[in-house]
Amino acid sequence: RLVDVLSVELGENTAGSTRLPERIIDFA
């Protein structure tokens, strides 16, 4: 579910483009 959310949110963008960095921290 988290990978899906990140894919929808960011698409072709990388982790650095997120508006919610806590998602990247949660993912890691």
mmCIF file of all heavy atoms, coordinates in Angstrom:
data_MODEL
# 
_entry.id   MODEL 
# 
loop_
_atom_site.group_PDB 
_atom_site.id 
_atom_site.type_symbol 
_atom_site.label_atom_id 
_atom_site.label_alt_id 
_atom_site.label_comp_id 
_atom_site.label_asym_id 
_atom_site.label_entity_id 
_atom_site.label_seq_id 
_atom_site.pdbx_PDB_ins_code 
_atom_site.Cartn_x 
_atom_site.Cartn_y 
_atom_site.Cartn_z 
_atom_site.occupancy 
_atom_site.B_iso_or_equiv 
_atom_site.pdbx_formal_charge 
_atom_site.auth_seq_id 
_atom_site.auth_comp_id 
_atom_site.auth_asym_id 
_atom_site.auth_atom_id 
_atom_site.pdbx_PDB_model_num 
ATOM 1   N N   . ARG A 1 1  ? 0.837  -1.213 0.000   1.00 0.00 ? 1  ARG A N   1 
ATOM 2   C CA  . ARG A 1 1  ? 0.000  0.000  0.000   1.00 0.00 ? 1  ARG A CA  1 
ATOM 3   C C   . ARG A 1 1  ? 0.864  1.253  0.000   1.00 0.00 ? 1  ARG A C   1 
ATOM 4   O O   . ARG A 1 1  ? 0.575  2.217  -0.719  1.00 0.00 ? 1  ARG A O   1 
ATOM 5   C CB  . ARG A 1 1  ? -0.935 -0.014 1.216   1.00 0.00 ? 1  ARG A CB  1 
ATOM 6   C CG  . ARG A 1 1  ? -1.863 1.158  1.268   1.00 0.00 ? 1  ARG A CG  1 
ATOM 7   C CD  . ARG A 1 1  ? -2.834 1.153  0.085   1.00 0.00 ? 1  ARG A CD  1 
ATOM 8   N NE  . ARG A 1 1  ? -3.611 2.366  0.117   1.00 0.00 ? 1  ARG A NE  1 
ATOM 9   C CZ  . ARG A 1 1  ? -3.839 3.138  -0.937  1.00 0.00 ? 1  ARG A CZ  1 
ATOM 10  N NH1 . ARG A 1 1  ? -3.373 2.816  -2.118  1.00 0.00 ? 1  ARG A NH1 1 
ATOM 11  N NH2 . ARG A 1 1  ? -4.543 4.230  -0.816  1.00 0.00 ? 1  ARG A NH2 1 
ATOM 12  N N   . LEU A 1 2  ? 1.929  1.273  0.772   1.00 0.00 ? 2  LEU A N   1 
ATOM 13  C CA  . LEU A 1 2  ? 2.817  2.435  0.822   1.00 0.00 ? 2  LEU A CA  1 
ATOM 14  C C   . LEU A 1 2  ? 3.518  2.652  -0.521  1.00 0.00 ? 2  LEU A C   1 
ATOM 15  O O   . LEU A 1 2  ? 3.613  3.789  -1.000  1.00 0.00 ? 2  LEU A O   1 
ATOM 16  C CB  . LEU A 1 2  ? 3.841  2.280  1.947   1.00 0.00 ? 2  LEU A CB  1 
ATOM 17  C CG  . LEU A 1 2  ? 4.811  3.434  2.169   1.00 0.00 ? 2  LEU A CG  1 
ATOM 18  C CD1 . LEU A 1 2  ? 4.091  4.771  2.351   1.00 0.00 ? 2  LEU A CD1 1 
ATOM 19  C CD2 . LEU A 1 2  ? 5.715  3.142  3.353   1.00 0.00 ? 2  LEU A CD2 1 
ATOM 20  N N   . VAL A 1 3  ? 3.990  1.591  -1.153  1.00 0.00 ? 3  VAL A N   1 
ATOM 21  C CA  . VAL A 1 3  ? 4.614  1.717  -2.473  1.00 0.00 ? 3  VAL A CA  1 
ATOM 22  C C   . VAL A 1 3  ? 3.604  2.264  -3.474  1.00 0.00 ? 3  VAL A C   1 
ATOM 23  O O   . VAL A 1 3  ? 3.932  3.120  -4.298  1.00 0.00 ? 3  VAL A O   1 
ATOM 24  C CB  . VAL A 1 3  ? 5.200  0.357  -2.935  1.00 0.00 ? 3  VAL A CB  1 
ATOM 25  C CG1 . VAL A 1 3  ? 5.613  0.398  -4.406  1.00 0.00 ? 3  VAL A CG1 1 
ATOM 26  C CG2 . VAL A 1 3  ? 6.382  -0.037 -2.060  1.00 0.00 ? 3  VAL A CG2 1 
ATOM 27  N N   . ASP A 1 4  ? 2.376  1.801  -3.386  1.00 0.00 ? 4  ASP A N   1 
ATOM 28  C CA  . ASP A 1 4  ? 1.313  2.298  -4.263  1.00 0.00 ? 4  ASP A CA  1 
ATOM 29  C C   . ASP A 1 4  ? 1.065  3.783  -4.029  1.00 0.00 ? 4  ASP A C   1 
ATOM 30  O O   . ASP A 1 4  ? 0.957  4.568  -4.979  1.00 0.00 ? 4  ASP A O   1 
ATOM 31  C CB  . ASP A 1 4  ? 0.037  1.491  -4.029  1.00 0.00 ? 4  ASP A CB  1 
ATOM 32  C CG  . ASP A 1 4  ? -1.074 1.862  -4.988  1.00 0.00 ? 4  ASP A CG  1 
ATOM 33  O OD1 . ASP A 1 4  ? -0.808 1.938  -6.204  1.00 0.00 ? 4  ASP A OD1 1 
ATOM 34  O OD2 . ASP A 1 4  ? -2.212 2.063  -4.522  1.00 0.00 ? 4  ASP A OD2 1 
ATOM 35  N N   . VAL A 1 5  ? 0.977  4.197  -2.779  1.00 0.00 ? 5  VAL A N   1 
ATOM 36  C CA  . VAL A 1 5  ? 0.753  5.606  -2.444  1.00 0.00 ? 5  VAL A CA  1 
ATOM 37  C C   . VAL A 1 5  ? 1.902  6.469  -2.968  1.00 0.00 ? 5  VAL A C   1 
ATOM 38  O O   . VAL A 1 5  ? 1.677  7.532  -3.560  1.00 0.00 ? 5  VAL A O   1 
ATOM 39  C CB  . VAL A 1 5  ? 0.567  5.796  -0.918  1.00 0.00 ? 5  VAL A CB  1 
ATOM 40  C CG1 . VAL A 1 5  ? 0.680  7.253  -0.511  1.00 0.00 ? 5  VAL A CG1 1 
ATOM 41  C CG2 . VAL A 1 5  ? -0.774 5.216  -0.480  1.00 0.00 ? 5  VAL A CG2 1 
ATOM 42  N N   . LEU A 1 6  ? 3.122  6.018  -2.781  1.00 0.00 ? 6  LEU A N   1 
ATOM 43  C CA  . LEU A 1 6  ? 4.278  6.768  -3.272  1.00 0.00 ? 6  LEU A CA  1 
ATOM 44  C C   . LEU A 1 6  ? 4.252  6.871  -4.794  1.00 0.00 ? 6  LEU A C   1 
ATOM 45  O O   . LEU A 1 6  ? 4.549  7.934  -5.357  1.00 0.00 ? 6  LEU A O   1 
ATOM 46  C CB  . LEU A 1 6  ? 5.584  6.109  -2.807  1.00 0.00 ? 6  LEU A CB  1 
ATOM 47  C CG  . LEU A 1 6  ? 5.883  6.237  -1.319  1.00 0.00 ? 6  LEU A CG  1 
ATOM 48  C CD1 . LEU A 1 6  ? 7.019  5.302  -0.921  1.00 0.00 ? 6  LEU A CD1 1 
ATOM 49  C CD2 . LEU A 1 6  ? 6.203  7.673  -0.947  1.00 0.00 ? 6  LEU A CD2 1 
ATOM 50  N N   . SER A 1 7  ? 3.869  5.802  -5.453  1.00 0.00 ? 7  SER A N   1 
ATOM 51  C CA  . SER A 1 7  ? 3.799  5.813  -6.906  1.00 0.00 ? 7  SER A CA  1 
ATOM 52  C C   . SER A 1 7  ? 2.742  6.785  -7.416  1.00 0.00 ? 7  SER A C   1 
ATOM 53  O O   . SER A 1 7  ? 2.971  7.518  -8.381  1.00 0.00 ? 7  SER A O   1 
ATOM 54  C CB  . SER A 1 7  ? 3.512  4.398  -7.421  1.00 0.00 ? 7  SER A CB  1 
ATOM 55  O OG  . SER A 1 7  ? 3.455  4.376  -8.819  1.00 0.00 ? 7  SER A OG  1 
ATOM 56  N N   . VAL A 1 8  ? 1.604  6.814  -6.753  1.00 0.00 ? 8  VAL A N   1 
ATOM 57  C CA  . VAL A 1 8  ? 0.542  7.750  -7.143  1.00 0.00 ? 8  VAL A CA  1 
ATOM 58  C C   . VAL A 1 8  ? 0.971  9.184  -6.854  1.00 0.00 ? 8  VAL A C   1 
ATOM 59  O O   . VAL A 1 8  ? 0.794  10.079 -7.684  1.00 0.00 ? 8  VAL A O   1 
ATOM 60  C CB  . VAL A 1 8  ? -0.784 7.407  -6.422  1.00 0.00 ? 8  VAL A CB  1 
ATOM 61  C CG1 . VAL A 1 8  ? -1.807 8.514  -6.583  1.00 0.00 ? 8  VAL A CG1 1 
ATOM 62  C CG2 . VAL A 1 8  ? -1.331 6.082  -6.937  1.00 0.00 ? 8  VAL A CG2 1 
ATOM 63  N N   . GLU A 1 9  ? 1.543  9.402  -5.687  1.00 0.00 ? 9  GLU A N   1 
ATOM 64  C CA  . GLU A 1 9  ? 1.960  10.754 -5.295  1.00 0.00 ? 9  GLU A CA  1 
ATOM 65  C C   . GLU A 1 9  ? 3.078  11.292 -6.180  1.00 0.00 ? 9  GLU A C   1 
ATOM 66  O O   . GLU A 1 9  ? 3.032  12.430 -6.633  1.00 0.00 ? 9  GLU A O   1 
ATOM 67  C CB  . GLU A 1 9  ? 2.445  10.768 -3.844  1.00 0.00 ? 9  GLU A CB  1 
ATOM 68  C CG  . GLU A 1 9  ? 2.994  12.131 -3.417  1.00 0.00 ? 9  GLU A CG  1 
ATOM 69  C CD  . GLU A 1 9  ? 3.807  12.101 -2.138  1.00 0.00 ? 9  GLU A CD  1 
ATOM 70  O OE1 . GLU A 1 9  ? 3.852  11.075 -1.450  1.00 0.00 ? 9  GLU A OE1 1 
ATOM 71  O OE2 . GLU A 1 9  ? 4.431  13.139 -1.848  1.00 0.00 ? 9  GLU A OE2 1 
ATOM 72  N N   . LEU A 1 10 ? 4.091  10.464 -6.437  1.00 0.00 ? 10 LEU A N   1 
ATOM 73  C CA  . LEU A 1 10 ? 5.304  10.960 -7.085  1.00 0.00 ? 10 LEU A CA  1 
ATOM 74  C C   . LEU A 1 10 ? 5.421  10.606 -8.563  1.00 0.00 ? 10 LEU A C   1 
ATOM 75  O O   . LEU A 1 10 ? 6.132  11.299 -9.299  1.00 0.00 ? 10 LEU A O   1 
ATOM 76  C CB  . LEU A 1 10 ? 6.535  10.441 -6.338  1.00 0.00 ? 10 LEU A CB  1 
ATOM 77  C CG  . LEU A 1 10 ? 6.663  10.906 -4.891  1.00 0.00 ? 10 LEU A CG  1 
ATOM 78  C CD1 . LEU A 1 10 ? 7.816  10.190 -4.208  1.00 0.00 ? 10 LEU A CD1 1 
ATOM 79  C CD2 . LEU A 1 10 ? 6.844  12.414 -4.829  1.00 0.00 ? 10 LEU A CD2 1 
ATOM 80  N N   . GLY A 1 11 ? 4.801  9.529  -8.994  1.00 0.00 ? 11 GLY A N   1 
ATOM 81  C CA  . GLY A 1 11 ? 4.901  9.126  -10.396 1.00 0.00 ? 11 GLY A CA  1 
ATOM 82  C C   . GLY A 1 11 ? 6.340  8.954  -10.835 1.00 0.00 ? 11 GLY A C   1 
ATOM 83  O O   . GLY A 1 11 ? 7.078  8.161  -10.287 1.00 0.00 ? 11 GLY A O   1 
ATOM 84  N N   . GLU A 1 12 ? 6.756  9.746  -11.816 1.00 0.00 ? 12 GLU A N   1 
ATOM 85  C CA  . GLU A 1 12 ? 8.121  9.662  -12.358 1.00 0.00 ? 12 GLU A CA  1 
ATOM 86  C C   . GLU A 1 12 ? 9.136  10.461 -11.534 1.00 0.00 ? 12 GLU A C   1 
ATOM 87  O O   . GLU A 1 12 ? 10.308 10.503 -11.886 1.00 0.00 ? 12 GLU A O   1 
ATOM 88  C CB  . GLU A 1 12 ? 8.141  10.136 -13.813 1.00 0.00 ? 12 GLU A CB  1 
ATOM 89  C CG  . GLU A 1 12 ? 7.433  9.212  -14.773 1.00 0.00 ? 12 GLU A CG  1 
ATOM 90  C CD  . GLU A 1 12 ? 8.037  7.801  -14.805 1.00 0.00 ? 12 GLU A CD  1 
ATOM 91  O OE1 . GLU A 1 12 ? 9.264  7.650  -14.623 1.00 0.00 ? 12 GLU A OE1 1 
ATOM 92  O OE2 . GLU A 1 12 ? 7.270  6.847  -15.004 1.00 0.00 ? 12 GLU A OE2 1 
ATOM 93  N N   . ASN A 1 13 ? 8.679  11.082 -10.469 1.00 0.00 ? 13 ASN A N   1 
ATOM 94  C CA  . ASN A 1 13 ? 9.585  11.849 -9.607  1.00 0.00 ? 13 ASN A CA  1 
ATOM 95  C C   . ASN A 1 13 ? 10.250 10.946 -8.570  1.00 0.00 ? 13 ASN A C   1 
ATOM 96  O O   . ASN A 1 13 ? 9.787  9.848  -8.290  1.00 0.00 ? 13 ASN A O   1 
ATOM 97  C CB  . ASN A 1 13 ? 8.829  12.983 -8.910  1.00 0.00 ? 13 ASN A CB  1 
ATOM 98  C CG  . ASN A 1 13 ? 8.319  13.997 -9.905  1.00 0.00 ? 13 ASN A CG  1 
ATOM 99  O OD1 . ASN A 1 13 ? 9.050  14.474 -10.759 1.00 0.00 ? 13 ASN A OD1 1 
ATOM 100 N ND2 . ASN A 1 13 ? 7.032  14.301 -9.817  1.00 0.00 ? 13 ASN A ND2 1 
ATOM 101 N N   . THR A 1 14 ? 11.316 11.462 -7.998  1.00 0.00 ? 14 THR A N   1 
ATOM 102 C CA  . THR A 1 14 ? 12.071 10.703 -7.000  1.00 0.00 ? 14 THR A CA  1 
ATOM 103 C C   . THR A 1 14 ? 11.616 11.070 -5.586  1.00 0.00 ? 14 THR A C   1 
ATOM 104 O O   . THR A 1 14 ? 10.805 11.980 -5.395  1.00 0.00 ? 14 THR A O   1 
ATOM 105 C CB  . THR A 1 14 ? 13.577 10.970 -7.147  1.00 0.00 ? 14 THR A CB  1 
ATOM 106 O OG1 . THR A 1 14 ? 13.821 12.352 -6.917  1.00 0.00 ? 14 THR A OG1 1 
ATOM 107 C CG2 . THR A 1 14 ? 14.078 10.580 -8.534  1.00 0.00 ? 14 THR A CG2 1 
ATOM 108 N N   . ALA A 1 15 ? 12.202 10.400 -4.613  1.00 0.00 ? 15 ALA A N   1 
ATOM 109 C CA  . ALA A 1 15 ? 11.834 10.617 -3.211  1.00 0.00 ? 15 ALA A CA  1 
ATOM 110 C C   . ALA A 1 15 ? 12.024 12.069 -2.782  1.00 0.00 ? 15 ALA A C   1 
ATOM 111 O O   . ALA A 1 15 ? 11.263 12.576 -1.957  1.00 0.00 ? 15 ALA A O   1 
ATOM 112 C CB  . ALA A 1 15 ? 12.649 9.692  -2.316  1.00 0.00 ? 15 ALA A CB  1 
ATOM 113 N N   . GLY A 1 16 ? 13.015 12.730 -3.334  1.00 0.00 ? 16 GLY A N   1 
ATOM 114 C CA  . GLY A 1 16 ? 13.277 14.117 -2.970  1.00 0.00 ? 16 GLY A CA  1 
ATOM 115 C C   . GLY A 1 16 ? 12.165 15.078 -3.355  1.00 0.00 ? 16 GLY A C   1 
ATOM 116 O O   . GLY A 1 16 ? 12.123 16.203 -2.869  1.00 0.00 ? 16 GLY A O   1 
ATOM 117 N N   . SER A 1 17 ? 11.240 14.645 -4.182  1.00 0.00 ? 17 SER A N   1 
ATOM 118 C CA  . SER A 1 17 ? 10.145 15.506 -4.632  1.00 0.00 ? 17 SER A CA  1 
ATOM 119 C C   . SER A 1 17 ? 8.914  15.449 -3.736  1.00 0.00 ? 17 SER A C   1 
ATOM 120 O O   . SER A 1 17 ? 7.955  16.182 -3.960  1.00 0.00 ? 17 SER A O   1 
ATOM 121 C CB  . SER A 1 17 ? 9.721  15.113 -6.052  1.00 0.00 ? 17 SER A CB  1 
ATOM 122 O OG  . SER A 1 17 ? 10.788 15.249 -6.945  1.00 0.00 ? 17 SER A OG  1 
ATOM 123 N N   . THR A 1 18 ? 8.942  14.595 -2.748  1.00 0.00 ? 18 THR A N   1 
ATOM 124 C CA  . THR A 1 18 ? 7.748  14.432 -1.912  1.00 0.00 ? 18 THR A CA  1 
ATOM 125 C C   . THR A 1 18 ? 7.463  15.675 -1.079  1.00 0.00 ? 18 THR A C   1 
ATOM 126 O O   . THR A 1 18 ? 8.370  16.381 -0.651  1.00 0.00 ? 18 THR A O   1 
ATOM 127 C CB  . THR A 1 18 ? 7.877  13.196 -0.997  1.00 0.00 ? 18 THR A CB  1 
ATOM 128 O OG1 . THR A 1 18 ? 6.626  13.001 -0.334  1.00 0.00 ? 18 THR A OG1 1 
ATOM 129 C CG2 . THR A 1 18 ? 8.971  13.371 0.034   1.00 0.00 ? 18 THR A CG2 1 
ATOM 130 N N   . ARG A 1 19 ? 6.185  15.914 -0.852  1.00 0.00 ? 19 ARG A N   1 
ATOM 131 C CA  . ARG A 1 19 ? 5.764  16.991 0.060   1.00 0.00 ? 19 ARG A CA  1 
ATOM 132 C C   . ARG A 1 19 ? 5.642  16.440 1.478   1.00 0.00 ? 19 ARG A C   1 
ATOM 133 O O   . ARG A 1 19 ? 5.466  17.197 2.426   1.00 0.00 ? 19 ARG A O   1 
ATOM 134 C CB  . ARG A 1 19 ? 4.413  17.555 -0.381  1.00 0.00 ? 19 ARG A CB  1 
ATOM 135 C CG  . ARG A 1 19 ? 4.437  18.259 -1.720  1.00 0.00 ? 19 ARG A CG  1 
ATOM 136 C CD  . ARG A 1 19 ? 3.034  18.698 -2.098  1.00 0.00 ? 19 ARG A CD  1 
ATOM 137 N NE  . ARG A 1 19 ? 2.099  17.613 -1.781  1.00 0.00 ? 19 ARG A NE  1 
ATOM 138 C CZ  . ARG A 1 19 ? 1.223  17.083 -2.614  1.00 0.00 ? 19 ARG A CZ  1 
ATOM 139 N NH1 . ARG A 1 19 ? 1.108  17.538 -3.806  1.00 0.00 ? 19 ARG A NH1 1 
ATOM 140 N NH2 . ARG A 1 19 ? 0.434  16.103 -2.257  1.00 0.00 ? 19 ARG A NH2 1 
ATOM 141 N N   . LEU A 1 20 ? 5.715  15.132 1.591   1.00 0.00 ? 20 LEU A N   1 
ATOM 142 C CA  . LEU A 1 20 ? 5.570  14.475 2.890   1.00 0.00 ? 20 LEU A CA  1 
ATOM 143 C C   . LEU A 1 20 ? 6.786  13.582 3.143   1.00 0.00 ? 20 LEU A C   1 
ATOM 144 O O   . LEU A 1 20 ? 6.726  12.360 2.958   1.00 0.00 ? 20 LEU A O   1 
ATOM 145 C CB  . LEU A 1 20 ? 4.284  13.637 2.924   1.00 0.00 ? 20 LEU A CB  1 
ATOM 146 C CG  . LEU A 1 20 ? 2.987  14.417 2.698   1.00 0.00 ? 20 LEU A CG  1 
ATOM 147 C CD1 . LEU A 1 20 ? 1.833  13.475 2.421   1.00 0.00 ? 20 LEU A CD1 1 
ATOM 148 C CD2 . LEU A 1 20 ? 2.695  15.293 3.899   1.00 0.00 ? 20 LEU A CD2 1 
ATOM 149 N N   . PRO A 1 21 ? 7.898  14.176 3.574   1.00 0.00 ? 21 PRO A N   1 
ATOM 150 C CA  . PRO A 1 21 ? 9.119  13.376 3.756   1.00 0.00 ? 21 PRO A CA  1 
ATOM 151 C C   . PRO A 1 21 ? 8.974  12.253 4.777   1.00 0.00 ? 21 PRO A C   1 
ATOM 152 O O   . PRO A 1 21 ? 9.719  11.271 4.715   1.00 0.00 ? 21 PRO A O   1 
ATOM 153 C CB  . PRO A 1 21 ? 10.159 14.403 4.195   1.00 0.00 ? 21 PRO A CB  1 
ATOM 154 C CG  . PRO A 1 21 ? 9.410  15.619 4.585   1.00 0.00 ? 21 PRO A CG  1 
ATOM 155 C CD  . PRO A 1 21 ? 8.091  15.575 3.897   1.00 0.00 ? 21 PRO A CD  1 
ATOM 156 N N   . GLU A 1 22 ? 8.012  12.360 5.672   1.00 0.00 ? 22 GLU A N   1 
ATOM 157 C CA  . GLU A 1 22 ? 7.817  11.287 6.650   1.00 0.00 ? 22 GLU A CA  1 
ATOM 158 C C   . GLU A 1 22 ? 7.416  9.982  5.968   1.00 0.00 ? 22 GLU A C   1 
ATOM 159 O O   . GLU A 1 22 ? 7.678  8.901  6.490   1.00 0.00 ? 22 GLU A O   1 
ATOM 160 C CB  . GLU A 1 22 ? 6.815  11.677 7.744   1.00 0.00 ? 22 GLU A CB  1 
ATOM 161 C CG  . GLU A 1 22 ? 5.443  12.022 7.253   1.00 0.00 ? 22 GLU A CG  1 
ATOM 162 C CD  . GLU A 1 22 ? 5.243  13.499 6.892   1.00 0.00 ? 22 GLU A CD  1 
ATOM 163 O OE1 . GLU A 1 22 ? 6.217  14.241 6.712   1.00 0.00 ? 22 GLU A OE1 1 
ATOM 164 O OE2 . GLU A 1 22 ? 4.072  13.912 6.771   1.00 0.00 ? 22 GLU A OE2 1 
ATOM 165 N N   . ARG A 1 23 ? 6.811  10.062 4.785   1.00 0.00 ? 23 ARG A N   1 
ATOM 166 C CA  . ARG A 1 23 ? 6.488  8.831  4.048   1.00 0.00 ? 23 ARG A CA  1 
ATOM 167 C C   . ARG A 1 23 ? 7.767  8.108  3.622   1.00 0.00 ? 23 ARG A C   1 
ATOM 168 O O   . ARG A 1 23 ? 7.818  6.885  3.641   1.00 0.00 ? 23 ARG A O   1 
ATOM 169 C CB  . ARG A 1 23 ? 5.647  9.142  2.810   1.00 0.00 ? 23 ARG A CB  1 
ATOM 170 C CG  . ARG A 1 23 ? 4.207  9.310  3.105   1.00 0.00 ? 23 ARG A CG  1 
ATOM 171 C CD  . ARG A 1 23 ? 3.382  9.302  1.843   1.00 0.00 ? 23 ARG A CD  1 
ATOM 172 N NE  . ARG A 1 23 ? 2.001  9.572  2.186   1.00 0.00 ? 23 ARG A NE  1 
ATOM 173 C CZ  . ARG A 1 23 ? 1.171  10.253 1.441   1.00 0.00 ? 23 ARG A CZ  1 
ATOM 174 N NH1 . ARG A 1 23 ? 1.560  10.732 0.277   1.00 0.00 ? 23 ARG A NH1 1 
ATOM 175 N NH2 . ARG A 1 23 ? -0.062 10.447 1.821   1.00 0.00 ? 23 ARG A NH2 1 
ATOM 176 N N   . ILE A 1 24 ? 8.761  8.861  3.221   1.00 0.00 ? 24 ILE A N   1 
ATOM 177 C CA  . ILE A 1 24 ? 10.026 8.261  2.801   1.00 0.00 ? 24 ILE A CA  1 
ATOM 178 C C   . ILE A 1 24 ? 10.727 7.640  4.018   1.00 0.00 ? 24 ILE A C   1 
ATOM 179 O O   . ILE A 1 24 ? 11.286 6.542  3.935   1.00 0.00 ? 24 ILE A O   1 
ATOM 180 C CB  . ILE A 1 24 ? 10.936 9.293  2.111   1.00 0.00 ? 24 ILE A CB  1 
ATOM 181 C CG1 . ILE A 1 24 ? 10.184 10.011 0.973   1.00 0.00 ? 24 ILE A CG1 1 
ATOM 182 C CG2 . ILE A 1 24 ? 12.222 8.641  1.613   1.00 0.00 ? 24 ILE A CG2 1 
ATOM 183 C CD1 . ILE A 1 24 ? 9.575  9.114  -0.076  1.00 0.00 ? 24 ILE A CD1 1 
ATOM 184 N N   . ILE A 1 25 ? 10.653 8.343  5.139   1.00 0.00 ? 25 ILE A N   1 
ATOM 185 C CA  . ILE A 1 25 ? 11.242 7.813  6.379   1.00 0.00 ? 25 ILE A CA  1 
ATOM 186 C C   . ILE A 1 25 ? 10.507 6.539  6.792   1.00 0.00 ? 25 ILE A C   1 
ATOM 187 O O   . ILE A 1 25 ? 11.138 5.538  7.139   1.00 0.00 ? 25 ILE A O   1 
ATOM 188 C CB  . ILE A 1 25 ? 11.203 8.876  7.499   1.00 0.00 ? 25 ILE A CB  1 
ATOM 189 C CG1 . ILE A 1 25 ? 12.117 10.039 7.116   1.00 0.00 ? 25 ILE A CG1 1 
ATOM 190 C CG2 . ILE A 1 25 ? 11.584 8.277  8.849   1.00 0.00 ? 25 ILE A CG2 1 
ATOM 191 C CD1 . ILE A 1 25 ? 11.937 11.277 7.950   1.00 0.00 ? 25 ILE A CD1 1 
ATOM 192 N N   . ASP A 1 26 ? 9.179  6.565  6.733   1.00 0.00 ? 26 ASP A N   1 
ATOM 193 C CA  . ASP A 1 26 ? 8.389  5.375  7.050   1.00 0.00 ? 26 ASP A CA  1 
ATOM 194 C C   . ASP A 1 26 ? 8.756  4.224  6.116   1.00 0.00 ? 26 ASP A C   1 
ATOM 195 O O   . ASP A 1 26 ? 8.916  3.084  6.551   1.00 0.00 ? 26 ASP A O   1 
ATOM 196 C CB  . ASP A 1 26 ? 6.891  5.655  6.924   1.00 0.00 ? 26 ASP A CB  1 
ATOM 197 C CG  . ASP A 1 26 ? 6.345  6.539  8.023   1.00 0.00 ? 26 ASP A CG  1 
ATOM 198 O OD1 . ASP A 1 26 ? 7.056  6.760  9.030   1.00 0.00 ? 26 ASP A OD1 1 
ATOM 199 O OD2 . ASP A 1 26 ? 5.211  7.027  7.866   1.00 0.00 ? 26 ASP A OD2 1 
ATOM 200 N N   . PHE A 1 27 ? 8.871  4.536  4.836   1.00 0.00 ? 27 PHE A N   1 
ATOM 201 C CA  . PHE A 1 27 ? 9.214  3.520  3.842   1.00 0.00 ? 27 PHE A CA  1 
ATOM 202 C C   . PHE A 1 27 ? 10.557 2.873  4.183   1.00 0.00 ? 27 PHE A C   1 
ATOM 203 O O   . PHE A 1 27 ? 10.666 1.642  4.238   1.00 0.00 ? 27 PHE A O   1 
ATOM 204 C CB  . PHE A 1 27 ? 9.254  4.156  2.448   1.00 0.00 ? 27 PHE A CB  1 
ATOM 205 C CG  . PHE A 1 27 ? 9.755  3.243  1.379   1.00 0.00 ? 27 PHE A CG  1 
ATOM 206 C CD1 . PHE A 1 27 ? 8.948  2.230  0.876   1.00 0.00 ? 27 PHE A CD1 1 
ATOM 207 C CD2 . PHE A 1 27 ? 11.028 3.375  0.868   1.00 0.00 ? 27 PHE A CD2 1 
ATOM 208 C CE1 . PHE A 1 27 ? 9.416  1.369  -0.108  1.00 0.00 ? 27 PHE A CE1 1 
ATOM 209 C CE2 . PHE A 1 27 ? 11.507 2.533  -0.117  1.00 0.00 ? 27 PHE A CE2 1 
ATOM 210 C CZ  . PHE A 1 27 ? 10.697 1.529  -0.608  1.00 0.00 ? 27 PHE A CZ  1 
ATOM 211 N N   . ALA A 1 28 ? 11.566 3.679  4.428   1.00 0.00 ? 28 ALA A N   1 
ATOM 212 C CA  . ALA A 1 28 ? 12.901 3.153  4.747   1.00 0.00 ? 28 ALA A CA  1 
ATOM 213 C C   . ALA A 1 28 ? 12.864 2.325  6.033   1.00 0.00 ? 28 ALA A C   1 
ATOM 214 O O   . ALA A 1 28 ? 13.491 1.259  6.114   1.00 0.00 ? 28 ALA A O   1 
ATOM 215 C CB  . ALA A 1 28 ? 13.905 4.299  4.874   1.00 0.00 ? 28 ALA A CB  1 
# 
